[in-house]
């Protein structure tokens, strides 16, 4: 049981770090948008990429937590028909 708690805490810590980094980068990019229209277009593209990265990495880490929980408790997948 302690093992699963350590695994979940580690994964949650990774999610928090990832979202914090993305938030800081978005904050920096928001300051860059005030200069030129070209920079605004570039920043909007980067914002979309950062959000996509945040969602995909969070989804992967949550899936990994689910797999770790299944491994600890040896839960088998049951398909709903």
Protein backbone atom coordinates (compact mmCIF):
# COMPACT_ATOMS: atom_id res chain seq x y z
CA UNK A 1 0.00 0.00 0.00
CA UNK A 2 2.89 2.36 0.75
CA UNK A 3 4.28 1.61 -2.70
CA UNK A 4 1.13 2.76 -4.48
CA UNK A 5 1.00 5.95 -2.41
CA UNK A 6 4.61 6.73 -3.35
CA UNK A 7 3.86 6.08 -7.03
CA UNK A 8 0.76 8.30 -7.01
CA UNK A 9 2.60 11.08 -5.15
CA UNK A 10 5.45 10.95 -7.67
CA UNK A 11 3.06 11.13 -10.63
CA UNK A 12 1.06 13.98 -9.12
CA UNK A 13 4.30 15.87 -8.45
CA UNK A 14 5.27 15.41 -12.11
CA UNK A 15 1.89 16.75 -13.24
CA UNK A 16 2.22 19.79 -10.99
CA UNK A 17 5.72 20.54 -12.28
CA UNK A 18 4.60 20.15 -15.88
CA UNK A 19 1.60 22.43 -15.47
CA UNK A 20 3.69 25.00 -13.57
CA UNK A 21 6.30 25.13 -16.34
CA UNK A 22 3.61 25.50 -18.99
CA UNK A 23 1.96 28.24 -16.93
CA UNK A 24 5.22 30.16 -16.60
CA UNK A 25 5.90 29.84 -20.33
CA UNK A 26 2.40 31.05 -21.12
CA UNK A 27 2.94 34.02 -18.84
CA UNK A 28 6.19 34.91 -20.62
CA UNK A 29 4.53 34.52 -24.01
CA UNK A 30 1.67 36.77 -22.95
CA UNK A 31 4.16 39.61 -22.38
CA UNK A 32 5.64 39.07 -25.83
CA UNK A 33 2.30 39.60 -27.59
CA UNK A 34 2.29 43.33 -27.00
CA UNK A 35 5.16 44.10 -29.39
CA UNK A 36 4.15 43.32 -32.97
CA UNK A 37 1.46 41.51 -34.90
CA UNK A 38 4.00 38.98 -36.14
CA UNK A 39 5.04 38.28 -32.58
CA UNK A 40 1.37 37.95 -31.61
CA UNK A 41 0.84 35.31 -34.30
CA UNK A 42 3.97 33.49 -33.24
CA UNK A 43 2.95 33.57 -29.60
CA UNK A 44 -0.55 32.30 -30.38
CA UNK A 45 0.98 29.36 -32.19
CA UNK A 46 3.22 28.67 -29.22
CA UNK A 47 0.27 28.92 -26.82
CA UNK A 48 -1.61 26.31 -28.80
CA UNK A 49 1.44 24.03 -28.80
CA UNK A 50 1.97 24.50 -25.06
CA UNK A 51 -1.66 23.74 -24.28
CA UNK A 52 -1.53 20.65 -26.46
CA UNK A 53 1.62 19.52 -24.65
CA UNK A 54 0.04 20.16 -21.25
CA UNK A 55 -3.08 18.17 -22.08
CA UNK A 56 -1.20 15.27 -23.67
CA UNK A 57 1.38 14.99 -20.92
CA UNK A 58 -1.29 15.18 -18.22
CA UNK A 59 -3.35 12.52 -19.97
CA UNK A 60 -0.30 10.27 -20.28
CA UNK A 61 0.63 10.68 -16.63
CA UNK A 62 -2.91 9.94 -15.48
CA UNK A 63 -2.98 6.84 -17.70
CA UNK A 64 0.37 5.79 -16.19
CA UNK A 65 -1.08 6.21 -12.67
CA UNK A 66 -4.01 4.02 -13.69
CA UNK A 67 -1.61 1.35 -14.98
CA UNK A 68 0.46 1.50 -11.78
CA UNK A 69 -2.66 1.05 -9.66
CA UNK A 70 -3.70 -1.93 -11.78
CA UNK A 71 -0.22 -3.44 -11.40
CA UNK A 72 -0.24 -3.07 -7.62
CA UNK A 73 -3.68 -4.58 -7.15
CA UNK A 74 -3.47 -6.94 -10.16
CA UNK A 75 -6.74 -5.64 -11.58
CA UNK A 76 -7.66 -7.15 -14.93
CA UNK A 77 -9.34 -5.11 -17.64
CA UNK A 78 -12.96 -6.02 -18.13
CA UNK A 79 -14.59 -4.97 -21.35
CA UNK A 80 -18.16 -3.78 -21.21
CA UNK A 81 -20.29 -5.37 -23.92
